[in-house]
mmCIF file of all heavy atoms, coordinates in Angstrom:
data_MODEL
# 
_entry.id   MODEL 
# 
loop_
_atom_site.group_PDB 
_atom_site.id 
_atom_site.type_symbol 
_atom_site.label_atom_id 
_atom_site.label_alt_id 
_atom_site.label_comp_id 
_atom_site.label_asym_id 
_atom_site.label_entity_id 
_atom_site.label_seq_id 
_atom_site.pdbx_PDB_ins_code 
_atom_site.Cartn_x 
_atom_site.Cartn_y 
_atom_site.Cartn_z 
_atom_site.occupancy 
_atom_site.B_iso_or_equiv 
_atom_site.pdbx_formal_charge 
_atom_site.auth_seq_id 
_atom_site.auth_comp_id 
_atom_site.auth_asym_id 
_atom_site.auth_atom_id 
_atom_site.pdbx_PDB_model_num 
ATOM 1   N N   . SER A 1 1  ? 12.616  -12.686 -0.384  1.00 0.00 ? 1  SER A N   1 
ATOM 2   C CA  . SER A 1 1  ? 13.239  -11.411 0.168   1.00 0.00 ? 1  SER A CA  1 
ATOM 3   C C   . SER A 1 1  ? 12.907  -11.270 1.604   1.00 0.00 ? 1  SER A C   1 
ATOM 4   O O   . SER A 1 1  ? 11.804  -11.694 2.126   1.00 0.00 ? 1  SER A O   1 
ATOM 5   C CB  . SER A 1 1  ? 12.600  -10.219 -0.578  1.00 0.00 ? 1  SER A CB  1 
ATOM 6   O OG  . SER A 1 1  ? 13.031  -8.967  0.116   1.00 0.00 ? 1  SER A OG  1 
ATOM 7   N N   . ASP A 1 2  ? 13.790  -10.735 2.381   1.00 0.00 ? 2  ASP A N   1 
ATOM 8   C CA  . ASP A 1 2  ? 13.620  -10.471 3.718   1.00 0.00 ? 2  ASP A CA  1 
ATOM 9   C C   . ASP A 1 2  ? 13.088  -9.006  4.046   1.00 0.00 ? 2  ASP A C   1 
ATOM 10  O O   . ASP A 1 2  ? 12.732  -8.591  5.122   1.00 0.00 ? 2  ASP A O   1 
ATOM 11  C CB  . ASP A 1 2  ? 14.973  -10.508 4.590   1.00 0.00 ? 2  ASP A CB  1 
ATOM 12  C CG  . ASP A 1 2  ? 15.477  -11.915 4.509   1.00 0.00 ? 2  ASP A CG  1 
ATOM 13  O OD1 . ASP A 1 2  ? 14.642  -12.979 4.652   1.00 0.00 ? 2  ASP A OD1 1 
ATOM 14  O OD2 . ASP A 1 2  ? 16.673  -12.120 4.613   1.00 0.00 ? 2  ASP A OD2 1 
ATOM 15  N N   . GLU A 1 3  ? 12.986  -8.210  2.929   1.00 0.00 ? 3  GLU A N   1 
ATOM 16  C CA  . GLU A 1 3  ? 12.503  -6.908  3.086   1.00 0.00 ? 3  GLU A CA  1 
ATOM 17  C C   . GLU A 1 3  ? 11.045  -6.879  3.337   1.00 0.00 ? 3  GLU A C   1 
ATOM 18  O O   . GLU A 1 3  ? 10.206  -7.429  2.667   1.00 0.00 ? 3  GLU A O   1 
ATOM 19  C CB  . GLU A 1 3  ? 12.746  -6.043  1.748   1.00 0.00 ? 3  GLU A CB  1 
ATOM 20  C CG  . GLU A 1 3  ? 12.422  -4.676  1.713   1.00 0.00 ? 3  GLU A CG  1 
ATOM 21  C CD  . GLU A 1 3  ? 12.718  -3.892  0.494   1.00 0.00 ? 3  GLU A CD  1 
ATOM 22  O OE1 . GLU A 1 3  ? 13.547  -4.379  -0.179  1.00 0.00 ? 3  GLU A OE1 1 
ATOM 23  O OE2 . GLU A 1 3  ? 11.993  -2.968  0.273   1.00 0.00 ? 3  GLU A OE2 1 
ATOM 24  N N   . LYS A 1 4  ? 10.658  -6.270  4.444   1.00 0.00 ? 4  LYS A N   1 
ATOM 25  C CA  . LYS A 1 4  ? 9.191   -6.200  4.910   1.00 0.00 ? 4  LYS A CA  1 
ATOM 26  C C   . LYS A 1 4  ? 8.398   -5.134  4.116   1.00 0.00 ? 4  LYS A C   1 
ATOM 27  O O   . LYS A 1 4  ? 8.830   -4.007  3.873   1.00 0.00 ? 4  LYS A O   1 
ATOM 28  C CB  . LYS A 1 4  ? 9.203   -5.894  6.330   1.00 0.00 ? 4  LYS A CB  1 
ATOM 29  C CG  . LYS A 1 4  ? 9.929   -6.771  7.240   1.00 0.00 ? 4  LYS A CG  1 
ATOM 30  C CD  . LYS A 1 4  ? 9.346   -8.165  7.383   1.00 0.00 ? 4  LYS A CD  1 
ATOM 31  C CE  . LYS A 1 4  ? 10.048  -8.929  8.380   1.00 0.00 ? 4  LYS A CE  1 
ATOM 32  N NZ  . LYS A 1 4  ? 10.505  -10.125 7.973   1.00 0.00 ? 4  LYS A NZ  1 
ATOM 33  N N   . PRO A 1 5  ? 7.253   -5.440  3.633   1.00 0.00 ? 5  PRO A N   1 
ATOM 34  C CA  . PRO A 1 5  ? 6.399   -4.466  2.892   1.00 0.00 ? 5  PRO A CA  1 
ATOM 35  C C   . PRO A 1 5  ? 5.793   -3.487  3.927   1.00 0.00 ? 5  PRO A C   1 
ATOM 36  O O   . PRO A 1 5  ? 5.748   -3.733  5.075   1.00 0.00 ? 5  PRO A O   1 
ATOM 37  C CB  . PRO A 1 5  ? 5.273   -5.313  2.326   1.00 0.00 ? 5  PRO A CB  1 
ATOM 38  C CG  . PRO A 1 5  ? 5.162   -6.492  3.235   1.00 0.00 ? 5  PRO A CG  1 
ATOM 39  C CD  . PRO A 1 5  ? 6.580   -6.751  3.760   1.00 0.00 ? 5  PRO A CD  1 
ATOM 40  N N   . ARG A 1 6  ? 5.621   -2.210  3.450   1.00 0.00 ? 6  ARG A N   1 
ATOM 41  C CA  . ARG A 1 6  ? 4.971   -1.269  4.387   1.00 0.00 ? 6  ARG A CA  1 
ATOM 42  C C   . ARG A 1 6  ? 3.972   -0.537  3.555   1.00 0.00 ? 6  ARG A C   1 
ATOM 43  O O   . ARG A 1 6  ? 4.168   -0.296  2.315   1.00 0.00 ? 6  ARG A O   1 
ATOM 44  C CB  . ARG A 1 6  ? 6.044   -0.396  4.938   1.00 0.00 ? 6  ARG A CB  1 
ATOM 45  C CG  . ARG A 1 6  ? 7.080   0.061   4.163   1.00 0.00 ? 6  ARG A CG  1 
ATOM 46  C CD  . ARG A 1 6  ? 8.204   0.747   4.859   1.00 0.00 ? 6  ARG A CD  1 
ATOM 47  N NE  . ARG A 1 6  ? 9.214   1.227   3.842   1.00 0.00 ? 6  ARG A NE  1 
ATOM 48  C CZ  . ARG A 1 6  ? 9.143   2.370   3.174   1.00 0.00 ? 6  ARG A CZ  1 
ATOM 49  N NH1 . ARG A 1 6  ? 8.230   3.103   3.433   1.00 0.00 ? 6  ARG A NH1 1 
ATOM 50  N NH2 . ARG A 1 6  ? 10.011  2.587   2.273   1.00 0.00 ? 6  ARG A NH2 1 
ATOM 51  N N   . GLU A 1 7  ? 2.961   -0.166  4.224   1.00 0.00 ? 7  GLU A N   1 
ATOM 52  C CA  . GLU A 1 7  ? 1.840   0.552   3.598   1.00 0.00 ? 7  GLU A CA  1 
ATOM 53  C C   . GLU A 1 7  ? 2.293   1.939   3.192   1.00 0.00 ? 7  GLU A C   1 
ATOM 54  O O   . GLU A 1 7  ? 3.006   2.692   4.037   1.00 0.00 ? 7  GLU A O   1 
ATOM 55  C CB  . GLU A 1 7  ? 0.687   0.625   4.594   1.00 0.00 ? 7  GLU A CB  1 
ATOM 56  C CG  . GLU A 1 7  ? -0.699  0.565   3.898   1.00 0.00 ? 7  GLU A CG  1 
ATOM 57  C CD  . GLU A 1 7  ? -1.759  0.544   4.942   1.00 0.00 ? 7  GLU A CD  1 
ATOM 58  O OE1 . GLU A 1 7  ? -1.997  -0.584  5.578   1.00 0.00 ? 7  GLU A OE1 1 
ATOM 59  O OE2 . GLU A 1 7  ? -2.390  1.526   5.245   1.00 0.00 ? 7  GLU A OE2 1 
ATOM 60  N N   . GLN A 1 8  ? 1.876   2.368   2.023   1.00 0.00 ? 8  GLN A N   1 
ATOM 61  C CA  . GLN A 1 8  ? 2.316   3.819   1.591   1.00 0.00 ? 8  GLN A CA  1 
ATOM 62  C C   . GLN A 1 8  ? 1.230   4.756   2.249   1.00 0.00 ? 8  GLN A C   1 
ATOM 63  O O   . GLN A 1 8  ? 0.032   4.347   2.375   1.00 0.00 ? 8  GLN A O   1 
ATOM 64  C CB  . GLN A 1 8  ? 2.249   3.903   0.117   1.00 0.00 ? 8  GLN A CB  1 
ATOM 65  C CG  . GLN A 1 8  ? 3.227   2.983   -0.601  1.00 0.00 ? 8  GLN A CG  1 
ATOM 66  C CD  . GLN A 1 8  ? 4.567   3.523   -0.708  1.00 0.00 ? 8  GLN A CD  1 
ATOM 67  O OE1 . GLN A 1 8  ? 4.781   4.664   -0.901  1.00 0.00 ? 8  GLN A OE1 1 
ATOM 68  N NE2 . GLN A 1 8  ? 5.536   2.632   -0.685  1.00 0.00 ? 8  GLN A NE2 1 
ATOM 69  N N   . GLY A 1 9  ? 1.569   5.941   2.449   1.00 0.00 ? 9  GLY A N   1 
ATOM 70  C CA  . GLY A 1 9  ? 0.605   7.036   2.927   1.00 0.00 ? 9  GLY A CA  1 
ATOM 71  C C   . GLY A 1 9  ? -0.324  7.362   1.714   1.00 0.00 ? 9  GLY A C   1 
ATOM 72  O O   . GLY A 1 9  ? -0.068  7.113   0.550   1.00 0.00 ? 9  GLY A O   1 
ATOM 73  N N   . ALA A 1 10 ? -1.422  7.856   2.021   1.00 0.00 ? 10 ALA A N   1 
ATOM 74  C CA  . ALA A 1 10 ? -2.395  8.201   1.049   1.00 0.00 ? 10 ALA A CA  1 
ATOM 75  C C   . ALA A 1 10 ? -1.883  9.426   0.213   1.00 0.00 ? 10 ALA A C   1 
ATOM 76  O O   . ALA A 1 10 ? -1.189  10.269  0.704   1.00 0.00 ? 10 ALA A O   1 
ATOM 77  C CB  . ALA A 1 10 ? -3.787  8.638   1.653   1.00 0.00 ? 10 ALA A CB  1 
ATOM 78  N N   . SER A 1 11 ? -2.152  9.221   -1.075  1.00 0.00 ? 11 SER A N   1 
ATOM 79  C CA  . SER A 1 11 ? -1.736  10.302  -2.166  1.00 0.00 ? 11 SER A CA  1 
ATOM 80  C C   . SER A 1 11 ? -2.639  10.297  -3.351  1.00 0.00 ? 11 SER A C   1 
ATOM 81  O O   . SER A 1 11 ? -2.864  9.232   -3.775  1.00 0.00 ? 11 SER A O   1 
ATOM 82  C CB  . SER A 1 11 ? -0.230  9.947   -2.453  1.00 0.00 ? 11 SER A CB  1 
ATOM 83  O OG  . SER A 1 11 ? -0.009  10.936  -3.587  1.00 0.00 ? 11 SER A OG  1 
ATOM 84  N N   . ARG A 1 12 ? -3.054  11.472  -3.638  1.00 0.00 ? 12 ARG A N   1 
ATOM 85  C CA  . ARG A 1 12 ? -3.960  11.622  -4.815  1.00 0.00 ? 12 ARG A CA  1 
ATOM 86  C C   . ARG A 1 12 ? -3.126  11.558  -6.092  1.00 0.00 ? 12 ARG A C   1 
ATOM 87  O O   . ARG A 1 12 ? -3.677  11.312  -7.126  1.00 0.00 ? 12 ARG A O   1 
ATOM 88  C CB  . ARG A 1 12 ? -4.789  12.770  -4.808  1.00 0.00 ? 12 ARG A CB  1 
ATOM 89  C CG  . ARG A 1 12 ? -5.769  12.743  -3.705  1.00 0.00 ? 12 ARG A CG  1 
ATOM 90  C CD  . ARG A 1 12 ? -6.641  13.876  -3.702  1.00 0.00 ? 12 ARG A CD  1 
ATOM 91  N NE  . ARG A 1 12 ? -7.567  13.832  -2.554  1.00 0.00 ? 12 ARG A NE  1 
ATOM 92  C CZ  . ARG A 1 12 ? -8.536  14.606  -2.113  1.00 0.00 ? 12 ARG A CZ  1 
ATOM 93  N NH1 . ARG A 1 12 ? -8.551  15.714  -2.808  1.00 0.00 ? 12 ARG A NH1 1 
ATOM 94  N NH2 . ARG A 1 12 ? -9.269  14.301  -1.172  1.00 0.00 ? 12 ARG A NH2 1 
ATOM 95  N N   . SER A 1 13 ? -1.873  11.999  -5.965  1.00 0.00 ? 13 SER A N   1 
ATOM 96  C CA  . SER A 1 13 ? -1.074  12.097  -7.220  1.00 0.00 ? 13 SER A CA  1 
ATOM 97  C C   . SER A 1 13 ? -0.278  10.727  -7.573  1.00 0.00 ? 13 SER A C   1 
ATOM 98  O O   . SER A 1 13 ? -0.085  10.619  -8.795  1.00 0.00 ? 13 SER A O   1 
ATOM 99  C CB  . SER A 1 13 ? -0.067  13.196  -7.086  1.00 0.00 ? 13 SER A CB  1 
ATOM 100 O OG  . SER A 1 13 ? 0.903   12.851  -6.008  1.00 0.00 ? 13 SER A OG  1 
ATOM 101 N N   . ARG A 1 14 ? -0.127  9.928   -6.609  1.00 0.00 ? 14 ARG A N   1 
ATOM 102 C CA  . ARG A 1 14 ? 0.659   8.732   -6.980  1.00 0.00 ? 14 ARG A CA  1 
ATOM 103 C C   . ARG A 1 14 ? -0.391  7.676   -7.654  1.00 0.00 ? 14 ARG A C   1 
ATOM 104 O O   . ARG A 1 14 ? -1.433  7.434   -7.164  1.00 0.00 ? 14 ARG A O   1 
ATOM 105 C CB  . ARG A 1 14 ? 1.195   8.196   -5.661  1.00 0.00 ? 14 ARG A CB  1 
ATOM 106 C CG  . ARG A 1 14 ? 2.161   6.984   -5.955  1.00 0.00 ? 14 ARG A CG  1 
ATOM 107 C CD  . ARG A 1 14 ? 2.901   6.477   -4.618  1.00 0.00 ? 14 ARG A CD  1 
ATOM 108 N NE  . ARG A 1 14 ? 1.957   6.397   -3.518  1.00 0.00 ? 14 ARG A NE  1 
ATOM 109 C CZ  . ARG A 1 14 ? 2.187   7.035   -2.386  1.00 0.00 ? 14 ARG A CZ  1 
ATOM 110 N NH1 . ARG A 1 14 ? 3.190   7.952   -2.204  1.00 0.00 ? 14 ARG A NH1 1 
ATOM 111 N NH2 . ARG A 1 14 ? 1.357   6.829   -1.361  1.00 0.00 ? 14 ARG A NH2 1 
ATOM 112 N N   . THR A 1 15 ? 0.120   6.984   -8.562  1.00 0.00 ? 15 THR A N   1 
ATOM 113 C CA  . THR A 1 15 ? -0.659  5.958   -9.372  1.00 0.00 ? 15 THR A CA  1 
ATOM 114 C C   . THR A 1 15 ? -0.479  4.565   -8.853  1.00 0.00 ? 15 THR A C   1 
ATOM 115 O O   . THR A 1 15 ? -1.067  3.634   -9.266  1.00 0.00 ? 15 THR A O   1 
ATOM 116 C CB  . THR A 1 15 ? -0.586  6.094   -10.804 1.00 0.00 ? 15 THR A CB  1 
ATOM 117 O OG1 . THR A 1 15 ? 0.919   5.794   -11.179 1.00 0.00 ? 15 THR A OG1 1 
ATOM 118 C CG2 . THR A 1 15 ? -0.983  7.315   -11.362 1.00 0.00 ? 15 THR A CG2 1 
ATOM 119 N N   . SER A 1 16 ? 0.516   4.367   -7.955  1.00 0.00 ? 16 SER A N   1 
ATOM 120 C CA  . SER A 1 16 ? 0.724   3.035   -7.433  1.00 0.00 ? 16 SER A CA  1 
ATOM 121 C C   . SER A 1 16 ? 0.995   3.199   -5.995  1.00 0.00 ? 16 SER A C   1 
ATOM 122 O O   . SER A 1 16 ? 1.001   4.271   -5.306  1.00 0.00 ? 16 SER A O   1 
ATOM 123 C CB  . SER A 1 16 ? 1.953   2.407   -8.162  1.00 0.00 ? 16 SER A CB  1 
ATOM 124 O OG  . SER A 1 16 ? 3.173   3.132   -7.805  1.00 0.00 ? 16 SER A OG  1 
ATOM 125 N N   . GLY A 1 17 ? 1.223   2.065   -5.236  1.00 0.00 ? 17 GLY A N   1 
ATOM 126 C CA  . GLY A 1 17 ? 1.464   2.082   -3.931  1.00 0.00 ? 17 GLY A CA  1 
ATOM 127 C C   . GLY A 1 17 ? 0.280   1.833   -2.956  1.00 0.00 ? 17 GLY A C   1 
ATOM 128 O O   . GLY A 1 17 ? 0.392   2.160   -1.763  1.00 0.00 ? 17 GLY A O   1 
ATOM 129 N N   . ARG A 1 18 ? -0.886  1.590   -3.511  1.00 0.00 ? 18 ARG A N   1 
ATOM 130 C CA  . ARG A 1 18 ? -2.074  1.524   -2.730  1.00 0.00 ? 18 ARG A CA  1 
ATOM 131 C C   . ARG A 1 18 ? -2.586  -0.010  -2.495  1.00 0.00 ? 18 ARG A C   1 
ATOM 132 O O   . ARG A 1 18 ? -3.510  -0.299  -1.830  1.00 0.00 ? 18 ARG A O   1 
ATOM 133 C CB  . ARG A 1 18 ? -3.308  2.117   -3.538  1.00 0.00 ? 18 ARG A CB  1 
ATOM 134 C CG  . ARG A 1 18 ? -2.988  3.565   -3.717  1.00 0.00 ? 18 ARG A CG  1 
ATOM 135 C CD  . ARG A 1 18 ? -4.231  4.285   -4.414  1.00 0.00 ? 18 ARG A CD  1 
ATOM 136 N NE  . ARG A 1 18 ? -3.905  5.690   -4.606  1.00 0.00 ? 18 ARG A NE  1 
ATOM 137 C CZ  . ARG A 1 18 ? -4.064  6.360   -5.701  1.00 0.00 ? 18 ARG A CZ  1 
ATOM 138 N NH1 . ARG A 1 18 ? -4.545  5.681   -6.797  1.00 0.00 ? 18 ARG A NH1 1 
ATOM 139 N NH2 . ARG A 1 18 ? -3.882  7.665   -5.796  1.00 0.00 ? 18 ARG A NH2 1 
ATOM 140 N N   . GLY A 1 19 ? -1.667  -1.036  -2.961  1.00 0.00 ? 19 GLY A N   1 
ATOM 141 C CA  . GLY A 1 19 ? -2.044  -2.291  -2.785  1.00 0.00 ? 19 GLY A CA  1 
ATOM 142 C C   . GLY A 1 19 ? -2.303  -2.820  -1.431  1.00 0.00 ? 19 GLY A C   1 
ATOM 143 O O   . GLY A 1 19 ? -3.279  -3.531  -1.045  1.00 0.00 ? 19 GLY A O   1 
ATOM 144 N N   . LEU A 1 20 ? -1.396  -2.439  -0.432  1.00 0.00 ? 20 LEU A N   1 
ATOM 145 C CA  . LEU A 1 20 ? -1.506  -2.961  0.921   1.00 0.00 ? 20 LEU A CA  1 
ATOM 146 C C   . LEU A 1 20 ? -2.712  -2.216  1.579   1.00 0.00 ? 20 LEU A C   1 
ATOM 147 O O   . LEU A 1 20 ? -3.266  -2.820  2.477   1.00 0.00 ? 20 LEU A O   1 
ATOM 148 C CB  . LEU A 1 20 ? -0.216  -2.682  1.796   1.00 0.00 ? 20 LEU A CB  1 
ATOM 149 C CG  . LEU A 1 20 ? 0.841   -3.714  1.366   1.00 0.00 ? 20 LEU A CG  1 
ATOM 150 C CD1 . LEU A 1 20 ? 2.204   -3.479  2.013   1.00 0.00 ? 20 LEU A CD1 1 
ATOM 151 C CD2 . LEU A 1 20 ? 0.445   -5.171  1.377   1.00 0.00 ? 20 LEU A CD2 1 
ATOM 152 N N   . ARG A 1 21 ? -3.008  -1.007  1.280   1.00 0.00 ? 21 ARG A N   1 
ATOM 153 C CA  . ARG A 1 21 ? -4.192  -0.247  1.812   1.00 0.00 ? 21 ARG A CA  1 
ATOM 154 C C   . ARG A 1 21 ? -5.511  -1.101  1.393   1.00 0.00 ? 21 ARG A C   1 
ATOM 155 O O   . ARG A 1 21 ? -6.319  -1.138  2.242   1.00 0.00 ? 21 ARG A O   1 
ATOM 156 C CB  . ARG A 1 21 ? -4.222  1.237   1.357   1.00 0.00 ? 21 ARG A CB  1 
ATOM 157 C CG  . ARG A 1 21 ? -3.080  1.964   1.855   1.00 0.00 ? 21 ARG A CG  1 
ATOM 158 C CD  . ARG A 1 21 ? -3.070  3.476   1.402   1.00 0.00 ? 21 ARG A CD  1 
ATOM 159 N NE  . ARG A 1 21 ? -4.122  4.240   1.755   1.00 0.00 ? 21 ARG A NE  1 
ATOM 160 C CZ  . ARG A 1 21 ? -4.356  4.857   2.912   1.00 0.00 ? 21 ARG A CZ  1 
ATOM 161 N NH1 . ARG A 1 21 ? -3.392  4.832   3.821   1.00 0.00 ? 21 ARG A NH1 1 
ATOM 162 N NH2 . ARG A 1 21 ? -5.492  5.519   3.149   1.00 0.00 ? 21 ARG A NH2 1 
ATOM 163 N N   . LEU A 1 22 ? -5.414  -1.472  0.148   1.00 0.00 ? 22 LEU A N   1 
ATOM 164 C CA  . LEU A 1 22 ? -6.594  -2.211  -0.348  1.00 0.00 ? 22 LEU A CA  1 
ATOM 165 C C   . LEU A 1 22 ? -6.640  -3.628  0.325   1.00 0.00 ? 22 LEU A C   1 
ATOM 166 O O   . LEU A 1 22 ? -7.861  -4.026  0.681   1.00 0.00 ? 22 LEU A O   1 
ATOM 167 C CB  . LEU A 1 22 ? -6.376  -2.403  -1.897  1.00 0.00 ? 22 LEU A CB  1 
ATOM 168 C CG  . LEU A 1 22 ? -7.446  -3.188  -2.585  1.00 0.00 ? 22 LEU A CG  1 
ATOM 169 C CD1 . LEU A 1 22 ? -8.837  -2.355  -2.541  1.00 0.00 ? 22 LEU A CD1 1 
ATOM 170 C CD2 . LEU A 1 22 ? -7.198  -3.310  -4.071  1.00 0.00 ? 22 LEU A CD2 1 
ATOM 171 N N   . VAL A 1 23 ? -5.508  -4.328  0.582   1.00 0.00 ? 23 VAL A N   1 
ATOM 172 C CA  . VAL A 1 23 ? -5.502  -5.554  1.292   1.00 0.00 ? 23 VAL A CA  1 
ATOM 173 C C   . VAL A 1 23 ? -6.066  -5.284  2.773   1.00 0.00 ? 23 VAL A C   1 
ATOM 174 O O   . VAL A 1 23 ? -6.917  -6.067  3.118   1.00 0.00 ? 23 VAL A O   1 
ATOM 175 C CB  . VAL A 1 23 ? -4.113  -6.156  1.351   1.00 0.00 ? 23 VAL A CB  1 
ATOM 176 C CG1 . VAL A 1 23 ? -4.055  -7.356  2.371   1.00 0.00 ? 23 VAL A CG1 1 
ATOM 177 C CG2 . VAL A 1 23 ? -3.771  -6.657  -0.035  1.00 0.00 ? 23 VAL A CG2 1 
ATOM 178 N N   . GLY A 1 24 ? -5.716  -4.192  3.341   1.00 0.00 ? 24 GLY A N   1 
ATOM 179 C CA  . GLY A 1 24 ? -6.168  -3.867  4.698   1.00 0.00 ? 24 GLY A CA  1 
ATOM 180 C C   . GLY A 1 24 ? -7.663  -3.651  4.693   1.00 0.00 ? 24 GLY A C   1 
ATOM 181 O O   . GLY A 1 24 ? -8.311  -4.034  5.682   1.00 0.00 ? 24 GLY A O   1 
ATOM 182 N N   . ALA A 1 25 ? -8.186  -3.019  3.611   1.00 0.00 ? 25 ALA A N   1 
ATOM 183 C CA  . ALA A 1 25 ? -9.504  -2.719  3.671   1.00 0.00 ? 25 ALA A CA  1 
ATOM 184 C C   . ALA A 1 25 ? -10.477 -3.834  3.330   1.00 0.00 ? 25 ALA A C   1 
ATOM 185 O O   . ALA A 1 25 ? -11.547 -4.000  3.927   1.00 0.00 ? 25 ALA A O   1 
ATOM 186 C CB  . ALA A 1 25 ? -9.820  -1.645  2.577   1.00 0.00 ? 25 ALA A CB  1 
ATOM 187 N N   . LEU A 1 26 ? -9.885  -4.807  2.601   1.00 0.00 ? 26 LEU A N   1 
ATOM 188 C CA  . LEU A 1 26 ? -10.742 -6.018  2.170   1.00 0.00 ? 26 LEU A CA  1 
ATOM 189 C C   . LEU A 1 26 ? -10.680 -7.163  3.125   1.00 0.00 ? 26 LEU A C   1 
ATOM 190 O O   . LEU A 1 26 ? -11.436 -8.077  3.140   1.00 0.00 ? 26 LEU A O   1 
ATOM 191 C CB  . LEU A 1 26 ? -10.430 -6.403  0.751   1.00 0.00 ? 26 LEU A CB  1 
ATOM 192 C CG  . LEU A 1 26 ? -10.719 -5.484  -0.331  1.00 0.00 ? 26 LEU A CG  1 
ATOM 193 C CD1 . LEU A 1 26 ? -10.223 -5.998  -1.748  1.00 0.00 ? 26 LEU A CD1 1 
ATOM 194 C CD2 . LEU A 1 26 ? -12.176 -5.325  -0.363  1.00 0.00 ? 26 LEU A CD2 1 
ATOM 195 N N   . SER A 1 27 ? -9.594  -7.146  3.974   1.00 0.00 ? 27 SER A N   1 
ATOM 196 C CA  . SER A 1 27 ? -9.381  -8.365  4.890   1.00 0.00 ? 27 SER A CA  1 
ATOM 197 C C   . SER A 1 27 ? -9.597  -7.924  6.277   1.00 0.00 ? 27 SER A C   1 
ATOM 198 O O   . SER A 1 27 ? -9.695  -6.709  6.578   1.00 0.00 ? 27 SER A O   1 
ATOM 199 C CB  . SER A 1 27 ? -7.963  -8.939  4.717   1.00 0.00 ? 27 SER A CB  1 
ATOM 200 O OG  . SER A 1 27 ? -7.013  -7.955  5.069   1.00 0.00 ? 27 SER A OG  1 
# 
């Protein structure tokens, strides 16, 4: 895919969309 991933904003109610934030925190 040519679609670029983008980090989702922080949310306490959302149960997904935190993967890239995690990648950023660990790398």
